[in-house]
Amino acid sequence: MRATTVMLLAIGLLILTHWANNEPTVNTKMTVELVFALIVIAALDQGRTEPIATGFAWLFLAGVALSSKSILTALSKAGGTTTTKKAA
């Protein structure tokens, strides 16, 4: 999978994460940062720097997916999967 594709998936997941946590999904600062990151990854996603771009894109995706406010966390809260402590 191309690094640019992985970055687009990560950006989509980040937008869904913001939406799931009732945060602003898109604002000017976030848009500029994401477009810059996508341009950098797309520029690196060719020739000898392709493995570096792929690594950065996968790291970005992992960071978004494993963050404390990720959509996976929000979905688990909505599903009602909570742990209960046993009374001693």
PDB file of N, CA and C in Angstrom:
ATOM      1  N   MET A   1       0.847  -1.168   0.000  1.00  0.00           N
ATOM      2  CA  MET A   1       0.000   0.000   0.000  1.00  0.00           C
ATOM      3  C   MET A   1       0.899   1.240   0.000  1.00  0.00           C
ATOM      4  N   ARG A   2       0.550   2.197  -0.816  1.00  0.00           N
ATOM      5  CA  ARG A   2       1.331   3.427  -0.924  1.00  0.00           C
ATOM      6  C   ARG A   2       1.205   4.273   0.339  1.00  0.00           C
ATOM      7  N   ALA A   3       2.250   5.011   0.638  1.00  0.00           N
ATOM      8  CA  ALA A   3       2.273   5.848   1.838  1.00  0.00           C
ATOM      9  C   ALA A   3       1.205   6.936   1.778  1.00  0.00           C
ATOM     10  N   THR A   4       0.953   7.473   0.602  1.00  0.00           N
ATOM     11  CA  THR A   4      -0.064   8.504   0.463  1.00  0.00           C
ATOM     12  C   THR A   4      -1.446   7.947   0.801  1.00  0.00           C
ATOM     13  N   THR A   5      -1.707   6.716   0.403  1.00  0.00           N
ATOM     14  CA  THR A   5      -2.982   6.074   0.713  1.00  0.00           C
ATOM     15  C   THR A   5      -3.128   5.859   2.218  1.00  0.00           C
ATOM     16  N   VAL A   6      -2.055   5.434   2.867  1.00  0.00           N
ATOM     17  CA  VAL A   6      -2.083   5.230   4.316  1.00  0.00           C
ATOM     18  C   VAL A   6      -2.331   6.560   5.023  1.00  0.00           C
ATOM     19  N   MET A   7      -1.722   7.632   4.545  1.00  0.00           N
ATOM     20  CA  MET A   7      -1.942   8.951   5.146  1.00  0.00           C
ATOM     21  C   MET A   7      -3.392   9.406   4.968  1.00  0.00           C
ATOM     22  N   LEU A   8      -3.972   9.148   3.815  1.00  0.00           N
ATOM     23  CA  LEU A   8      -5.373   9.509   3.604  1.00  0.00           C
ATOM     24  C   LEU A   8      -6.284   8.725   4.552  1.00  0.00           C
ATOM     25  N   LEU A   9      -5.972   7.454   4.778  1.00  0.00           N
ATOM     26  CA  LEU A   9      -6.726   6.663   5.747  1.00  0.00           C
ATOM     27  C   LEU A   9      -6.581   7.225   7.158  1.00  0.00           C
ATOM     28  N   ALA A  10      -5.368   7.618   7.510  1.00  0.00           N
ATOM     29  CA  ALA A  10      -5.117   8.184   8.835  1.00  0.00           C
ATOM     30  C   ALA A  10      -5.860   9.510   9.007  1.00  0.00           C
ATOM     31  N   ILE A  11      -5.883  10.336   7.983  1.00  0.00           N
ATOM     32  CA  ILE A  11      -6.596  11.606   8.059  1.00  0.00           C
ATOM     33  C   ILE A  11      -8.093  11.362   8.211  1.00  0.00           C
ATOM     34  N   GLY A  12      -8.620  10.405   7.465  1.00  0.00           N
ATOM     35  CA  GLY A  12     -10.029  10.056   7.609  1.00  0.00           C
ATOM     36  C   GLY A  12     -10.348   9.553   9.005  1.00  0.00           C
ATOM     37  N   LEU A  13      -9.468   8.718   9.550  1.00  0.00           N
ATOM     38  CA  LEU A  13      -9.656   8.210  10.904  1.00  0.00           C
ATOM     39  C   LEU A  13      -9.577   9.333  11.929  1.00  0.00           C
ATOM     40  N   LEU A  14      -8.695  10.290  11.709  1.00  0.00           N
ATOM     41  CA  LEU A  14      -8.582  11.438  12.618  1.00  0.00           C
ATOM     42  C   LEU A  14      -9.851  12.281  12.596  1.00  0.00           C
ATOM     43  N   ILE A  15     -10.418  12.497  11.428  1.00  0.00           N
ATOM     44  CA  ILE A  15     -11.657  13.266  11.320  1.00  0.00           C
ATOM     45  C   ILE A  15     -12.796  12.517  12.006  1.00  0.00           C
ATOM     46  N   LEU A  16     -12.869  11.204  11.801  1.00  0.00           N
ATOM     47  CA  LEU A  16     -13.888  10.408  12.491  1.00  0.00           C
ATOM     48  C   LEU A  16     -13.698  10.424  14.000  1.00  0.00           C
ATOM     49  N   THR A  17     -12.444  10.433  14.439  1.00  0.00           N
ATOM     50  CA  THR A  17     -12.152  10.485  15.866  1.00  0.00           C
ATOM     51  C   THR A  17     -12.656  11.787  16.477  1.00  0.00           C
ATOM     52  N   HIS A  18     -12.398  12.888  15.802  1.00  0.00           N
ATOM     53  CA  HIS A  18     -12.891  14.175  16.301  1.00  0.00           C
ATOM     54  C   HIS A  18     -14.419  14.187  16.334  1.00  0.00           C
ATOM     55  N   TRP A  19     -15.038  13.640  15.306  1.00  0.00           N
ATOM     56  CA  TRP A  19     -16.496  13.604  15.248  1.00  0.00           C
ATOM     57  C   TRP A  19     -17.070  12.740  16.370  1.00  0.00           C
ATOM     58  N   ALA A  20     -16.455  11.592  16.628  1.00  0.00           N
ATOM     59  CA  ALA A  20     -16.957  10.674  17.645  1.00  0.00           C
ATOM     60  C   ALA A  20     -16.834  11.247  19.048  1.00  0.00           C
ATOM     61  N   ASN A  21     -15.891  12.158  19.265  1.00  0.00           N
ATOM     62  CA  ASN A  21     -15.692  12.758  20.578  1.00  0.00           C
ATOM     63  C   ASN A  21     -16.328  14.140  20.696  1.00  0.00           C
ATOM     64  N   ASN A  22     -17.211  14.474  19.763  1.00  0.00           N
ATOM     65  CA  ASN A  22     -17.908  15.768  19.749  1.00  0.00           C
ATOM     66  C   ASN A  22     -16.943  16.947  19.773  1.00  0.00           C
ATOM     67  N   GLU A  23     -15.861  16.836  19.044  1.00  0.00           N
ATOM     68  CA  GLU A  23     -14.899  17.923  18.892  1.00  0.00           C
ATOM     69  C   GLU A  23     -15.064  18.491  17.484  1.00  0.00           C
ATOM     70  N   PRO A  24     -14.585  19.707  17.250  1.00  0.00           N
ATOM     71  CA  PRO A  24     -14.666  20.257  15.892  1.00  0.00           C
ATOM     72  C   PRO A  24     -13.911  19.350  14.920  1.00  0.00           C
ATOM     73  N   THR A  25     -14.583  18.929  13.868  1.00  0.00           N
ATOM     74  CA  THR A  25     -13.954  17.962  12.960  1.00  0.00           C
ATOM     75  C   THR A  25     -12.927  18.600  12.039  1.00  0.00           C
ATOM     76  N   VAL A  26     -13.231  19.779  11.539  1.00  0.00           N
ATOM     77  CA  VAL A  26     -12.295  20.429  10.619  1.00  0.00           C
ATOM     78  C   VAL A  26     -12.222  21.907  10.976  1.00  0.00           C
ATOM     79  N   ASN A  27     -10.999  22.385  11.178  1.00  0.00           N
ATOM     80  CA  ASN A  27     -10.789  23.815  11.360  1.00  0.00           C
ATOM     81  C   ASN A  27      -9.579  24.211  10.517  1.00  0.00           C
ATOM     82  N   THR A  28      -9.309  25.482  10.446  1.00  0.00           N
ATOM     83  CA  THR A  28      -8.251  25.982   9.560  1.00  0.00           C
ATOM     84  C   THR A  28      -6.886  25.438   9.950  1.00  0.00           C
ATOM     85  N   LYS A  29      -6.554  25.463  11.227  1.00  0.00           N
ATOM     86  CA  LYS A  29      -5.238  25.004  11.684  1.00  0.00           C
ATOM     87  C   LYS A  29      -5.035  23.528  11.366  1.00  0.00           C
ATOM     88  N   MET A  30      -6.040  22.725  11.663  1.00  0.00           N
ATOM     89  CA  MET A  30      -5.931  21.292  11.407  1.00  0.00           C
ATOM     90  C   MET A  30      -5.832  21.008   9.908  1.00  0.00           C
ATOM     91  N   THR A  31      -6.586  21.737   9.110  1.00  0.00           N
ATOM     92  CA  THR A  31      -6.546  21.539   7.666  1.00  0.00           C
ATOM     93  C   THR A  31      -5.166  21.852   7.105  1.00  0.00           C
ATOM     94  N   VAL A  32      -4.570  22.951   7.539  1.00  0.00           N
ATOM     95  CA  VAL A  32      -3.236  23.326   7.065  1.00  0.00           C
ATOM     96  C   VAL A  32      -2.207  22.264   7.476  1.00  0.00           C
ATOM     97  N   GLU A  33      -2.283  21.809   8.725  1.00  0.00           N
ATOM     98  CA  GLU A  33      -1.335  20.795   9.199  1.00  0.00           C
ATOM     99  C   GLU A  33      -1.471  19.484   8.428  1.00  0.00           C
ATOM    100  N   LEU A  34      -2.699  19.051   8.189  1.00  0.00           N
ATOM    101  CA  LEU A  34      -2.917  17.788   7.490  1.00  0.00           C
ATOM    102  C   LEU A  34      -2.512  17.876   6.021  1.00  0.00           C
ATOM    103  N   VAL A  35      -2.805  18.997   5.385  1.00  0.00           N
ATOM    104  CA  VAL A  35      -2.399  19.171   3.983  1.00  0.00           C
ATOM    105  C   VAL A  35      -0.880  19.196   3.879  1.00  0.00           C
ATOM    106  N   PHE A  36      -0.211  19.878   4.805  1.00  0.00           N
ATOM    107  CA  PHE A  36       1.253  19.903   4.797  1.00  0.00           C
ATOM    108  C   PHE A  36       1.830  18.502   4.977  1.00  0.00           C
ATOM    109  N   ALA A  37       1.295  17.756   5.943  1.00  0.00           N
ATOM    110  CA  ALA A  37       1.783  16.390   6.175  1.00  0.00           C
ATOM    111  C   ALA A  37       1.546  15.511   4.951  1.00  0.00           C
ATOM    112  N   LEU A  38       0.394  15.660   4.318  1.00  0.00           N
ATOM    113  CA  LEU A  38       0.095  14.863   3.134  1.00  0.00           C
ATOM    114  C   LEU A  38       1.022  15.214   1.973  1.00  0.00           C
ATOM    115  N   ILE A  39       1.322  16.489   1.801  1.00  0.00           N
ATOM    116  CA  ILE A  39       2.235  16.909   0.728  1.00  0.00           C
ATOM    117  C   ILE A  39       3.638  16.363   0.978  1.00  0.00           C
ATOM    118  N   VAL A  40       4.108  16.426   2.221  1.00  0.00           N
ATOM    119  CA  VAL A  40       5.439  15.907   2.542  1.00  0.00           C
ATOM    120  C   VAL A  40       5.508  14.410   2.282  1.00  0.00           C
ATOM    121  N   ILE A  41       4.507  13.663   2.720  1.00  0.00           N
ATOM    122  CA  ILE A  41       4.495  12.222   2.511  1.00  0.00           C
ATOM    123  C   ILE A  41       4.400  11.900   1.023  1.00  0.00           C
ATOM    124  N   ALA A  42       3.571  12.634   0.294  1.00  0.00           N
ATOM    125  CA  ALA A  42       3.440  12.400  -1.145  1.00  0.00           C
ATOM    126  C   ALA A  42       4.745  12.701  -1.873  1.00  0.00           C
ATOM    127  N   ALA A  43       5.469  13.721  -1.428  1.00  0.00           N
ATOM    128  CA  ALA A  43       6.758  14.042  -2.048  1.00  0.00           C
ATOM    129  C   ALA A  43       7.801  12.965  -1.763  1.00  0.00           C
ATOM    130  N   LEU A  44       7.756  12.402  -0.566  1.00  0.00           N
ATOM    131  CA  LEU A  44       8.711  11.354  -0.203  1.00  0.00           C
ATOM    132  C   LEU A  44       8.328   9.989  -0.759  1.00  0.00           C
ATOM    133  N   ASP A  45       7.109   9.849  -1.222  1.00  0.00           N
ATOM    134  CA  ASP A  45       6.564   8.556  -1.632  1.00  0.00           C
ATOM    135  C   ASP A  45       6.975   8.187  -3.059  1.00  0.00           C
ATOM    136  N   GLN A  46       8.243   8.330  -3.346  1.00  0.00           N
ATOM    137  CA  GLN A  46       8.767   7.950  -4.657  1.00  0.00           C
ATOM    138  C   GLN A  46      10.277   7.769  -4.574  1.00  0.00           C
ATOM    139  N   GLY A  47      10.776   6.869  -5.364  1.00  0.00           N
ATOM    140  CA  GLY A  47      12.212   6.655  -5.424  1.00  0.00           C
ATOM    141  C   GLY A  47      12.802   6.062  -4.166  1.00  0.00           C
ATOM    142  N   ARG A  48      13.983   6.555  -3.818  1.00  0.00           N
ATOM    143  CA  ARG A  48      14.730   5.999  -2.686  1.00  0.00           C
ATOM    144  C   ARG A  48      14.123   6.337  -1.323  1.00  0.00           C
ATOM    145  N   THR A  49      13.292   7.361  -1.248  1.00  0.00           N
ATOM    146  CA  THR A  49      12.712   7.761   0.041  1.00  0.00           C
ATOM    147  C   THR A  49      11.352   7.116   0.302  1.00  0.00           C
ATOM    148  N   GLU A  50      10.920   6.239  -0.576  1.00  0.00           N
ATOM    149  CA  GLU A  50       9.611   5.607  -0.402  1.00  0.00           C
ATOM    150  C   GLU A  50       9.483   4.818   0.905  1.00  0.00           C
ATOM    151  N   PRO A  51      10.510   4.053   1.337  1.00  0.00           N
ATOM    152  CA  PRO A  51      10.380   3.349   2.623  1.00  0.00           C
ATOM    153  C   PRO A  51      10.244   4.300   3.814  1.00  0.00           C
ATOM    154  N   ILE A  52      10.895   5.441   3.753  1.00  0.00           N
ATOM    155  CA  ILE A  52      10.788   6.426   4.829  1.00  0.00           C
ATOM    156  C   ILE A  52       9.375   6.988   4.883  1.00  0.00           C
ATOM    157  N   ALA A  53       8.817   7.319   3.719  1.00  0.00           N
ATOM    158  CA  ALA A  53       7.452   7.836   3.661  1.00  0.00           C
ATOM    159  C   ALA A  53       6.458   6.802   4.169  1.00  0.00           C
ATOM    160  N   THR A  54       6.662   5.559   3.791  1.00  0.00           N
ATOM    161  CA  THR A  54       5.763   4.497   4.237  1.00  0.00           C
ATOM    162  C   THR A  54       5.830   4.338   5.754  1.00  0.00           C
ATOM    163  N   GLY A  55       7.027   4.379   6.316  1.00  0.00           N
ATOM    164  CA  GLY A  55       7.181   4.272   7.762  1.00  0.00           C
ATOM    165  C   GLY A  55       6.505   5.411   8.502  1.00  0.00           C
ATOM    166  N   PHE A  56       6.700   6.638   8.023  1.00  0.00           N
ATOM    167  CA  PHE A  56       6.057   7.790   8.657  1.00  0.00           C
ATOM    168  C   PHE A  56       4.533   7.699   8.561  1.00  0.00           C
ATOM    169  N   ALA A  57       4.032   7.275   7.421  1.00  0.00           N
ATOM    170  CA  ALA A  57       2.582   7.171   7.244  1.00  0.00           C
ATOM    171  C   ALA A  57       1.986   6.127   8.191  1.00  0.00           C
ATOM    172  N   TRP A  58       2.649   4.975   8.321  1.00  0.00           N
ATOM    173  CA  TRP A  58       2.153   3.939   9.232  1.00  0.00           C
ATOM    174  C   TRP A  58       2.254   4.393  10.684  1.00  0.00           C
ATOM    175  N   LEU A  59       3.303   5.145  11.018  1.00  0.00           N
ATOM    176  CA  LEU A  59       3.412   5.681  12.381  1.00  0.00           C
ATOM    177  C   LEU A  59       2.285   6.673  12.680  1.00  0.00           C
ATOM    178  N   PHE A  60       1.974   7.507  11.712  1.00  0.00           N
ATOM    179  CA  PHE A  60       0.893   8.466  11.880  1.00  0.00           C
ATOM    180  C   PHE A  60      -0.441   7.742  12.066  1.00  0.00           C
ATOM    181  N   LEU A  61      -0.679   6.703  11.249  1.00  0.00           N
ATOM    182  CA  LEU A  61      -1.907   5.930  11.372  1.00  0.00           C
ATOM    183  C   LEU A  61      -1.987   5.231  12.730  1.00  0.00           C
ATOM    184  N   ALA A  62      -0.881   4.671  13.178  1.00  0.00           N
ATOM    185  CA  ALA A  62      -0.864   4.004  14.485  1.00  0.00           C
ATOM    186  C   ALA A  62      -1.096   5.011  15.606  1.00  0.00           C
ATOM    187  N   GLY A  63      -0.507   6.181  15.491  1.00  0.00           N
ATOM    188  CA  GLY A  63      -0.699   7.214  16.510  1.00  0.00           C
ATOM    189  C   GLY A  63      -2.145   7.661  16.601  1.00  0.00           C
ATOM    190  N   VAL A  64      -2.802   7.797  15.468  1.00  0.00           N
ATOM    191  CA  VAL A  64      -4.210   8.195  15.463  1.00  0.00           C
ATOM    192  C   VAL A  64      -5.078   7.066  16.013  1.00  0.00           C
ATOM    193  N   ALA A  65      -4.804   5.843  15.585  1.00  0.00           N
ATOM    194  CA  ALA A  65      -5.640   4.712  15.988  1.00  0.00           C
ATOM    195  C   ALA A  65      -5.472   4.346  17.459  1.00  0.00           C
ATOM    196  N   LEU A  66      -4.301   4.573  18.023  1.00  0.00           N
ATOM    197  CA  LEU A  66      -4.036   4.156  19.393  1.00  0.00           C
ATOM    198  C   LEU A  66      -4.085   5.295  20.411  1.00  0.00           C
ATOM    199  N   SER A  67      -4.504   6.470  19.990  1.00  0.00           N
ATOM    200  CA  SER A  67      -4.572   7.596  20.926  1.00  0.00           C
ATOM    201  C   SER A  67      -5.685   7.371  21.945  1.00  0.00           C
ATOM    202  N   SER A  68      -5.614   8.103  23.032  1.00  0.00           N
ATOM    203  CA  SER A  68      -6.590   7.910  24.107  1.00  0.00           C
ATOM    204  C   SER A  68      -7.990   8.351  23.696  1.00  0.00           C
ATOM    205  N   LYS A  69      -8.107   9.211  22.720  1.00  0.00           N
ATOM    206  CA  LYS A  69      -9.418   9.671  22.257  1.00  0.00           C
ATOM    207  C   LYS A  69      -9.772   9.086  20.895  1.00  0.00           C
ATOM    208  N   SER A  70      -9.167   7.977  20.511  1.00  0.00           N
ATOM    209  CA  SER A  70      -9.401   7.438  19.175  1.00  0.00           C
ATOM    210  C   SER A  70     -10.840   6.984  19.008  1.00  0.00           C
ATOM    211  N   ILE A  71     -11.232   6.799  17.785  1.00  0.00           N
ATOM    212  CA  ILE A  71     -12.592   6.359  17.509  1.00  0.00           C
ATOM    213  C   ILE A  71     -12.820   4.954  18.054  1.00  0.00           C
ATOM    214  N   LEU A  72     -11.780   4.168  18.141  1.00  0.00           N
ATOM    215  CA  LEU A  72     -11.918   2.823  18.714  1.00  0.00           C
ATOM    216  C   LEU A  72     -12.318   2.907  20.184  1.00  0.00           C
ATOM    217  N   THR A  73     -11.734   3.857  20.903  1.00  0.00           N
ATOM    218  CA  THR A  73     -12.090   4.072  22.299  1.00  0.00           C
ATOM    219  C   THR A  73     -13.523   4.580  22.416  1.00  0.00           C
ATOM    220  N   ALA A  74     -13.897   5.497  21.541  1.00  0.00           N
ATOM    221  CA  ALA A  74     -15.254   6.044  21.573  1.00  0.00           C
ATOM    222  C   ALA A  74     -16.284   4.961  21.249  1.00  0.00           C
ATOM    223  N   LEU A  75     -15.961   4.092  20.314  1.00  0.00           N
ATOM    224  CA  LEU A  75     -16.888   3.012  19.979  1.00  0.00           C
ATOM    225  C   LEU A  75     -17.024   2.013  21.124  1.00  0.00           C
ATOM    226  N   SER A  76     -15.930   1.752  21.819  1.00  0.00           N
ATOM    227  CA  SER A  76     -16.025   0.816  22.939  1.00  0.00           C
ATOM    228  C   SER A  76     -16.844   1.407  24.080  1.00  0.00           C
ATOM    229  N   LYS A  77     -16.756   2.714  24.283  1.00  0.00           N
ATOM    230  CA  LYS A  77     -17.581   3.373  25.299  1.00  0.00           C
ATOM    231  C   LYS A  77     -19.053   3.344  24.899  1.00  0.00           C
ATOM    232  N   ALA A  78     -19.338   3.556  23.619  1.00  0.00           N
ATOM    233  CA  ALA A  78     -20.714   3.564  23.156  1.00  0.00           C
ATOM    234  C   ALA A  78     -21.321   2.169  23.211  1.00  0.00           C
ATOM    235  N   GLY A  79     -20.485   1.150  23.047  1.00  0.00           N
ATOM    236  CA  GLY A  79     -20.975  -0.221  23.091  1.00  0.00           C
ATOM    237  C   GLY A  79     -21.252  -0.706  24.491  1.00  0.00           C
ATOM    238  N   GLY A  80     -20.840   0.040  25.474  1.00  0.00           N
ATOM    239  CA  GLY A  80     -21.104  -0.314  26.859  1.00  0.00           C
ATOM    240  C   GLY A  80     -20.173  -1.367  27.402  1.00  0.00           C
ATOM    241  N   THR A  81     -19.017  -1.519  26.831  1.00  0.00           N
ATOM    242  CA  THR A  81     -18.062  -2.498  27.346  1.00  0.00           C
ATOM    243  C   THR A  81     -17.251  -1.837  28.442  1.00  0.00           C
ATOM    244  N   THR A  82     -17.666  -2.056  29.654  1.00  0.00           N
ATOM    245  CA  THR A  82     -16.942  -1.521  30.800  1.00  0.00           C
ATOM    246  C   THR A  82     -16.537  -2.656  31.698  1.00  0.00           C
ATOM    247  N   THR A  83     -15.519  -2.420  32.458  1.00  0.00           N
ATOM    248  CA  THR A  83     -15.079  -3.435  33.422  1.00  0.00           C
ATOM    249  C   THR A  83     -15.609  -3.049  34.788  1.00  0.00           C
ATOM    250  N   THR A  84     -15.976  -4.036  35.548  1.00  0.00           N
ATOM    251  CA  THR A  84     -16.464  -3.776  36.899  1.00  0.00           C
ATOM    252  C   THR A  84     -15.532  -4.430  37.889  1.00  0.00           C
ATOM    253  N   LYS A  85     -15.383  -3.789  39.029  1.00  0.00           N
ATOM    254  CA  LYS A  85     -14.540  -4.331  40.086  1.00  0.00           C
ATOM    255  C   LYS A  85     -15.381  -5.217  40.993  1.00  0.00           C
ATOM    256  N   LYS A  86     -14.795  -6.292  41.405  1.00  0.00           N
ATOM    257  CA  LYS A  86     -15.487  -7.184  42.335  1.00  0.00           C
ATOM    258  C   LYS A  86     -15.353  -6.614  43.742  1.00  0.00           C
ATOM    259  N   ALA A  87     -16.421  -6.745  44.478  1.00  0.00           N
ATOM    260  CA  ALA A  87     -16.402  -6.294  45.868  1.00  0.00           C
ATOM    261  C   ALA A  87     -15.602  -7.290  46.704  1.00  0.00           C
ATOM    262  N   ALA A  88     -14.793  -6.778  47.576  1.00  0.00           N
ATOM    263  CA  ALA A  88     -13.942  -7.656  48.401  1.00  0.00           C
ATOM    264  C   ALA A  88     -14.671  -8.199  49.580  1.00  0.00           C
TER     265      ALA A  88
END
